[in-house]
Amino acid sequence: GSLEELRGELDAVLRPAALAQAPAGGSAPDGG
């Protein structure tokens, strides 16, 4: 019913491998 609840549901159902693909914060997806 809210953004916070959506985040919680996605955290619960998405595969850990998919979550691990997110960049950690060093460079942008375009390599900048």
PDB file of all heavy atoms in Angstrom:
ATOM      1  N   GLY A   1       0.797  -1.220   0.000  1.00  0.00           N
ATOM      2  CA  GLY A   1       0.000   0.000   0.000  1.00  0.00           C
ATOM      3  C   GLY A   1       0.828   1.269   0.000  1.00  0.00           C
ATOM      4  O   GLY A   1       0.282   2.372  -0.022  1.00  0.00           O
ATOM      5  N   SER A   2       2.163   1.121   0.031  1.00  0.00           N
ATOM      6  CA  SER A   2       3.042   2.285   0.062  1.00  0.00           C
ATOM      7  C   SER A   2       4.378   1.912  -0.549  1.00  0.00           C
ATOM      8  O   SER A   2       4.658   0.735  -0.828  1.00  0.00           O
ATOM      9  CB  SER A   2       3.257   2.754   1.505  1.00  0.00           C
ATOM     10  OG  SER A   2       3.984   1.774   2.236  1.00  0.00           O
ATOM     11  N   LEU A   3       5.219   2.912  -0.758  1.00  0.00           N
ATOM     12  CA  LEU A   3       6.548   2.661  -1.305  1.00  0.00           C
ATOM     13  C   LEU A   3       7.363   1.788  -0.365  1.00  0.00           C
ATOM     14  O   LEU A   3       8.072   0.874  -0.802  1.00  0.00           O
ATOM     15  CB  LEU A   3       7.273   3.997  -1.537  1.00  0.00           C
ATOM     16  CG  LEU A   3       8.692   3.911  -2.100  1.00  0.00           C
ATOM     17  CD1 LEU A   3       8.705   3.254  -3.463  1.00  0.00           C
ATOM     18  CD2 LEU A   3       9.325   5.300  -2.174  1.00  0.00           C
ATOM     19  N   GLU A   4       7.262   2.026   0.930  1.00  0.00           N
ATOM     20  CA  GLU A   4       8.021   1.243   1.890  1.00  0.00           C
ATOM     21  C   GLU A   4       7.583  -0.224   1.868  1.00  0.00           C
ATOM     22  O   GLU A   4       8.417  -1.138   1.914  1.00  0.00           O
ATOM     23  CB  GLU A   4       7.852   1.817   3.304  1.00  0.00           C
ATOM     24  CG  GLU A   4       8.568   3.131   3.547  1.00  0.00           C
ATOM     25  CD  GLU A   4       7.910   4.316   2.852  1.00  0.00           C
ATOM     26  OE1 GLU A   4       6.702   4.195   2.480  1.00  0.00           O
ATOM     27  OE2 GLU A   4       8.578   5.337   2.668  1.00  0.00           O
ATOM     28  N   GLU A   5       6.268  -0.457   1.780  1.00  0.00           N
ATOM     29  CA  GLU A   5       5.775  -1.831   1.722  1.00  0.00           C
ATOM     30  C   GLU A   5       6.197  -2.498   0.417  1.00  0.00           C
ATOM     31  O   GLU A   5       6.530  -3.689   0.394  1.00  0.00           O
ATOM     32  CB  GLU A   5       4.258  -1.850   1.861  1.00  0.00           C
ATOM     33  CG  GLU A   5       3.776  -1.475   3.254  1.00  0.00           C
ATOM     34  CD  GLU A   5       2.265  -1.495   3.356  1.00  0.00           C
ATOM     35  OE1 GLU A   5       1.605  -1.929   2.376  1.00  0.00           O
ATOM     36  OE2 GLU A   5       1.735  -1.078   4.397  1.00  0.00           O
ATOM     37  N   LEU A   6       6.197  -1.740  -0.687  1.00  0.00           N
ATOM     38  CA  LEU A   6       6.635  -2.294  -1.966  1.00  0.00           C
ATOM     39  C   LEU A   6       8.095  -2.708  -1.898  1.00  0.00           C
ATOM     40  O   LEU A   6       8.479  -3.780  -2.377  1.00  0.00           O
ATOM     41  CB  LEU A   6       6.427  -1.267  -3.074  1.00  0.00           C
ATOM     42  CG  LEU A   6       6.892  -1.678  -4.483  1.00  0.00           C
ATOM     43  CD1 LEU A   6       6.179  -2.944  -4.938  1.00  0.00           C
ATOM     44  CD2 LEU A   6       6.665  -0.539  -5.472  1.00  0.00           C
ATOM     45  N   ARG A   7       8.916  -1.873  -1.286  1.00  0.00           N
ATOM     46  CA  ARG A   7      10.325  -2.226  -1.117  1.00  0.00           C
ATOM     47  C   ARG A   7      10.471  -3.513  -0.326  1.00  0.00           C
ATOM     48  O   ARG A   7      11.269  -4.390  -0.661  1.00  0.00           O
ATOM     49  CB  ARG A   7      11.063  -1.100  -0.389  1.00  0.00           C
ATOM     50  CG  ARG A   7      11.366   0.112  -1.229  1.00  0.00           C
ATOM     51  CD  ARG A   7      12.082   1.128  -0.373  1.00  0.00           C
ATOM     52  NE  ARG A   7      12.579   2.236  -1.157  1.00  0.00           N
ATOM     53  CZ  ARG A   7      13.222   3.274  -0.643  1.00  0.00           C
ATOM     54  NH1 ARG A   7      13.446   3.324   0.653  1.00  0.00           N
ATOM     55  NH2 ARG A   7      13.647   4.254  -1.410  1.00  0.00           N
ATOM     56  N   GLY A   8       9.711  -3.630   0.743  1.00  0.00           N
ATOM     57  CA  GLY A   8       9.798  -4.822   1.574  1.00  0.00           C
ATOM     58  C   GLY A   8       9.393  -6.073   0.815  1.00  0.00           C
ATOM     59  O   GLY A   8      10.040  -7.118   0.937  1.00  0.00           O
ATOM     60  N   GLU A   9       8.321  -5.986   0.030  1.00  0.00           N
ATOM     61  CA  GLU A   9       7.883  -7.137  -0.742  1.00  0.00           C
ATOM     62  C   GLU A   9       8.913  -7.520  -1.801  1.00  0.00           C
ATOM     63  O   GLU A   9       9.194  -8.709  -2.014  1.00  0.00           O
ATOM     64  CB  GLU A   9       6.524  -6.853  -1.399  1.00  0.00           C
ATOM     65  CG  GLU A   9       5.377  -6.695  -0.430  1.00  0.00           C
ATOM     66  CD  GLU A   9       5.092  -7.959   0.355  1.00  0.00           C
ATOM     67  OE1 GLU A   9       5.506  -9.049  -0.079  1.00  0.00           O
ATOM     68  OE2 GLU A   9       4.452  -7.871   1.418  1.00  0.00           O
ATOM     69  N   LEU A  10       9.478  -6.530  -2.461  1.00  0.00           N
ATOM     70  CA  LEU A  10      10.482  -6.821  -3.483  1.00  0.00           C
ATOM     71  C   LEU A  10      11.735  -7.428  -2.865  1.00  0.00           C
ATOM     72  O   LEU A  10      12.343  -8.346  -3.431  1.00  0.00           O
ATOM     73  CB  LEU A  10      10.828  -5.552  -4.263  1.00  0.00           C
ATOM     74  CG  LEU A  10       9.750  -5.073  -5.233  1.00  0.00           C
ATOM     75  CD1 LEU A  10      10.118  -3.716  -5.817  1.00  0.00           C
ATOM     76  CD2 LEU A  10       9.539  -6.079  -6.356  1.00  0.00           C
ATOM     77  N   ASP A  11      12.137  -6.921  -1.718  1.00  0.00           N
ATOM     78  CA  ASP A  11      13.294  -7.495  -1.030  1.00  0.00           C
ATOM     79  C   ASP A  11      13.039  -8.959  -0.685  1.00  0.00           C
ATOM     80  O   ASP A  11      13.954  -9.783  -0.688  1.00  0.00           O
ATOM     81  CB  ASP A  11      13.603  -6.716   0.248  1.00  0.00           C
ATOM     82  CG  ASP A  11      14.274  -5.383  -0.039  1.00  0.00           C
ATOM     83  OD1 ASP A  11      14.801  -5.219  -1.149  1.00  0.00           O
ATOM     84  OD2 ASP A  11      14.261  -4.518   0.846  1.00  0.00           O
ATOM     85  N   ALA A  12      11.790  -9.272  -0.395  1.00  0.00           N
ATOM     86  CA  ALA A  12      11.455 -10.633   0.025  1.00  0.00           C
ATOM     87  C   ALA A  12      11.388 -11.610  -1.146  1.00  0.00           C
ATOM     88  O   ALA A  12      11.641 -12.803  -0.967  1.00  0.00           O
ATOM     89  CB  ALA A  12      10.115 -10.630   0.767  1.00  0.00           C
ATOM     90  N   VAL A  13      11.039 -11.121  -2.350  1.00  0.00           N
ATOM     91  CA  VAL A  13      10.787 -12.054  -3.448  1.00  0.00           C
ATOM     92  C   VAL A  13      11.880 -12.092  -4.518  1.00  0.00           C
ATOM     93  O   VAL A  13      12.021 -13.098  -5.212  1.00  0.00           O
ATOM     94  CB  VAL A  13       9.434 -11.753  -4.129  1.00  0.00           C
ATOM     95  CG1 VAL A  13       8.295 -11.806  -3.127  1.00  0.00           C
ATOM     96  CG2 VAL A  13       9.442 -10.401  -4.836  1.00  0.00           C
ATOM     97  N   LEU A  14      12.640 -11.020  -4.650  1.00  0.00           N
ATOM     98  CA  LEU A  14      13.640 -11.016  -5.707  1.00  0.00           C
ATOM     99  C   LEU A  14      14.829 -11.894  -5.344  1.00  0.00           C
ATOM    100  O   LEU A  14      15.269 -11.939  -4.195  1.00  0.00           O
ATOM    101  CB  LEU A  14      14.118  -9.582  -5.986  1.00  0.00           C
ATOM    102  CG  LEU A  14      13.094  -8.663  -6.646  1.00  0.00           C
ATOM    103  CD1 LEU A  14      13.677  -7.279  -6.831  1.00  0.00           C
ATOM    104  CD2 LEU A  14      12.633  -9.214  -7.990  1.00  0.00           C
ATOM    105  N   ARG A  15      15.371 -12.545  -6.324  1.00  0.00           N
ATOM    106  CA  ARG A  15      16.514 -13.426  -6.088  1.00  0.00           C
ATOM    107  C   ARG A  15      17.715 -12.628  -5.626  1.00  0.00           C
ATOM    108  O   ARG A  15      17.991 -11.539  -6.127  1.00  0.00           O
ATOM    109  CB  ARG A  15      16.882 -14.165  -7.379  1.00  0.00           C
ATOM    110  CG  ARG A  15      15.822 -15.117  -7.865  1.00  0.00           C
ATOM    111  CD  ARG A  15      16.392 -16.028  -8.939  1.00  0.00           C
ATOM    112  NE  ARG A  15      16.986 -15.292 -10.021  1.00  0.00           N
ATOM    113  CZ  ARG A  15      16.368 -15.007 -11.153  1.00  0.00           C
ATOM    114  NH1 ARG A  15      15.115 -15.378 -11.306  1.00  0.00           N
ATOM    115  NH2 ARG A  15      16.984 -14.360 -12.117  1.00  0.00           N
ATOM    116  N   PRO A  16      18.502 -13.152  -4.658  1.00  0.00           N
ATOM    117  CA  PRO A  16      19.717 -12.465  -4.202  1.00  0.00           C
ATOM    118  C   PRO A  16      20.664 -12.141  -5.342  1.00  0.00           C
ATOM    119  O   PRO A  16      21.304 -11.094  -5.341  1.00  0.00           O
ATOM    120  CB  PRO A  16      20.339 -13.477  -3.235  1.00  0.00           C
ATOM    121  CG  PRO A  16      19.191 -14.275  -2.734  1.00  0.00           C
ATOM    122  CD  PRO A  16      18.252 -14.384  -3.899  1.00  0.00           C
ATOM    123  N   ALA A  17      20.726 -13.010  -6.345  1.00  0.00           N
ATOM    124  CA  ALA A  17      21.617 -12.744  -7.485  1.00  0.00           C
ATOM    125  C   ALA A  17      21.195 -11.494  -8.230  1.00  0.00           C
ATOM    126  O   ALA A  17      22.032 -10.721  -8.698  1.00  0.00           O
ATOM    127  CB  ALA A  17      21.625 -13.938  -8.425  1.00  0.00           C
ATOM    128  N   ALA A  18      19.876 -11.279  -8.338  1.00  0.00           N
ATOM    129  CA  ALA A  18      19.410 -10.089  -9.044  1.00  0.00           C
ATOM    130  C   ALA A  18      19.722  -8.838  -8.235  1.00  0.00           C
ATOM    131  O   ALA A  18      20.118  -7.807  -8.780  1.00  0.00           O
ATOM    132  CB  ALA A  18      17.901 -10.191  -9.284  1.00  0.00           C
ATOM    133  N   LEU A  19      19.552  -8.932  -6.896  1.00  0.00           N
ATOM    134  CA  LEU A  19      19.851  -7.780  -6.063  1.00  0.00           C
ATOM    135  C   LEU A  19      21.333  -7.447  -6.083  1.00  0.00           C
ATOM    136  O   LEU A  19      21.726  -6.288  -5.997  1.00  0.00           O
ATOM    137  CB  LEU A  19      19.408  -8.065  -4.623  1.00  0.00           C
ATOM    138  CG  LEU A  19      17.902  -8.211  -4.409  1.00  0.00           C
ATOM    139  CD1 LEU A  19      17.628  -8.608  -2.971  1.00  0.00           C
ATOM    140  CD2 LEU A  19      17.174  -6.944  -4.777  1.00  0.00           C
ATOM    141  N   ALA A  20      22.172  -8.459  -6.210  1.00  0.00           N
ATOM    142  CA  ALA A  20      23.616  -8.247  -6.184  1.00  0.00           C
ATOM    143  C   ALA A  20      24.141  -7.557  -7.428  1.00  0.00           C
ATOM    144  O   ALA A  20      25.266  -7.081  -7.458  1.00  0.00           O
ATOM    145  CB  ALA A  20      24.323  -9.588  -6.010  1.00  0.00           C
ATOM    146  N   GLN A  21      23.318  -7.472  -8.484  1.00  0.00           N
ATOM    147  CA  GLN A  21      23.767  -6.840  -9.714  1.00  0.00           C
ATOM    148  C   GLN A  21      23.788  -5.320  -9.629  1.00  0.00           C
ATOM    149  O   GLN A  21      24.371  -4.654 -10.472  1.00  0.00           O
ATOM    150  CB  GLN A  21      22.855  -7.255 -10.879  1.00  0.00           C
ATOM    151  CG  GLN A  21      22.978  -8.726 -11.226  1.00  0.00           C
ATOM    152  CD  GLN A  21      21.996  -9.128 -12.292  1.00  0.00           C
ATOM    153  OE1 GLN A  21      21.215  -8.308 -12.787  1.00  0.00           O
ATOM    154  NE2 GLN A  21      22.018 -10.397 -12.679  1.00  0.00           N
ATOM    155  N   ALA A  22      23.148  -4.761  -8.615  1.00  0.00           N
ATOM    156  CA  ALA A  22      23.117  -3.302  -8.496  1.00  0.00           C
ATOM    157  C   ALA A  22      24.508  -2.767  -8.201  1.00  0.00           C
ATOM    158  O   ALA A  22      25.241  -3.320  -7.382  1.00  0.00           O
ATOM    159  CB  ALA A  22      22.163  -2.889  -7.359  1.00  0.00           C
ATOM    160  N   PRO A  23      24.916  -1.661  -8.850  1.00  0.00           N
ATOM    161  CA  PRO A  23      26.230  -1.092  -8.583  1.00  0.00           C
ATOM    162  C   PRO A  23      26.345  -0.642  -7.133  1.00  0.00           C
ATOM    163  O   PRO A  23      25.376  -0.214  -6.528  1.00  0.00           O
ATOM    164  CB  PRO A  23      26.291   0.119  -9.522  1.00  0.00           C
ATOM    165  CG  PRO A  23      25.178  -0.044 -10.485  1.00  0.00           C
ATOM    166  CD  PRO A  23      24.171  -0.946  -9.863  1.00  0.00           C
ATOM    167  N   ALA A  24      27.533  -0.718  -6.591  1.00  0.00           N
ATOM    168  CA  ALA A  24      27.743  -0.361  -5.185  1.00  0.00           C
ATOM    169  C   ALA A  24      27.920   1.130  -4.988  1.00  0.00           C
ATOM    170  O   ALA A  24      27.919   1.610  -3.884  1.00  0.00           O
ATOM    171  CB  ALA A  24      28.966  -1.093  -4.657  1.00  0.00           C
ATOM    172  N   GLY A  25      28.111   1.887  -6.064  1.00  0.00           N
ATOM    173  CA  GLY A  25      28.182   3.337  -5.920  1.00  0.00           C
ATOM    174  C   GLY A  25      29.457   3.943  -6.416  1.00  0.00           C
ATOM    175  O   GLY A  25      29.657   5.141  -6.280  1.00  0.00           O
ATOM    176  N   GLY A  26      30.348   3.177  -7.025  1.00  0.00           N
ATOM    177  CA  GLY A  26      31.606   3.747  -7.513  1.00  0.00           C
ATOM    178  C   GLY A  26      31.446   4.477  -8.811  1.00  0.00           C
ATOM    179  O   GLY A  26      31.799   5.629  -8.938  1.00  0.00           O
ATOM    180  N   SER A  27      30.895   3.824  -9.837  1.00  0.00           N
ATOM    181  CA  SER A  27      30.705   4.444 -11.130  1.00  0.00           C
ATOM    182  C   SER A  27      29.276   4.287 -11.570  1.00  0.00           C
ATOM    183  O   SER A  27      28.584   3.412 -11.138  1.00  0.00           O
ATOM    184  CB  SER A  27      31.571   3.836 -12.213  1.00  0.00           C
ATOM    185  OG  SER A  27      32.680   3.222 -11.787  1.00  0.00           O
ATOM    186  N   ALA A  28      28.879   5.122 -12.494  1.00  0.00           N
ATOM    187  CA  ALA A  28      27.540   5.035 -13.057  1.00  0.00           C
ATOM    188  C   ALA A  28      27.474   3.863 -14.005  1.00  0.00           C
ATOM    189  O   ALA A  28      28.476   3.348 -14.447  1.00  0.00           O
ATOM    190  CB  ALA A  28      27.215   6.322 -13.812  1.00  0.00           C
ATOM    191  N   PRO A  29      26.230   3.388 -14.374  1.00  0.00           N
ATOM    192  CA  PRO A  29      26.106   2.294 -15.307  1.00  0.00           C
ATOM    193  C   PRO A  29      26.794   2.570 -16.634  1.00  0.00           C
ATOM    194  O   PRO A  29      27.148   1.664 -17.346  1.00  0.00           O
ATOM    195  CB  PRO A  29      24.579   2.170 -15.487  1.00  0.00           C
ATOM    196  CG  PRO A  29      24.007   2.701 -14.223  1.00  0.00           C
ATOM    197  CD  PRO A  29      24.952   3.798 -13.803  1.00  0.00           C
ATOM    198  N   ASP A  30      26.974   3.826 -16.993  1.00  0.00           N
ATOM    199  CA  ASP A  30      27.623   4.130 -18.262  1.00  0.00           C
ATOM    200  C   ASP A  30      29.138   4.226 -18.105  1.00  0.00           C
ATOM    201  O   ASP A  30      29.850   4.580 -19.028  1.00  0.00           O
ATOM    202  CB  ASP A  30      27.091   5.447 -18.850  1.00  0.00           C
ATOM    203  CG  ASP A  30      27.371   6.647 -17.953  1.00  0.00           C
ATOM    204  OD1 ASP A  30      27.921   6.459 -16.847  1.00  0.00           O
ATOM    205  OD2 ASP A  30      27.054   7.769 -18.358  1.00  0.00           O
ATOM    206  N   GLY A  31      29.631   3.940 -16.894  1.00  0.00           N
ATOM    207  CA  GLY A  31      31.066   3.928 -16.684  1.00  0.00           C
ATOM    208  C   GLY A  31      31.657   5.278 -16.385  1.00  0.00           C
ATOM    209  O   GLY A  31      32.867   5.419 -16.293  1.00  0.00           O
ATOM    210  N   GLY A  32      30.831   6.312 -16.230  1.00  0.00           N
ATOM    211  CA  GLY A  32      31.367   7.644 -15.981  1.00  0.00           C
ATOM    212  C   GLY A  32      32.049   7.724 -14.635  1.00  0.00           C
ATOM    213  O   GLY A  32      31.532   7.231 -13.641  1.00  0.00           O
TER     214      GLY A  32
END
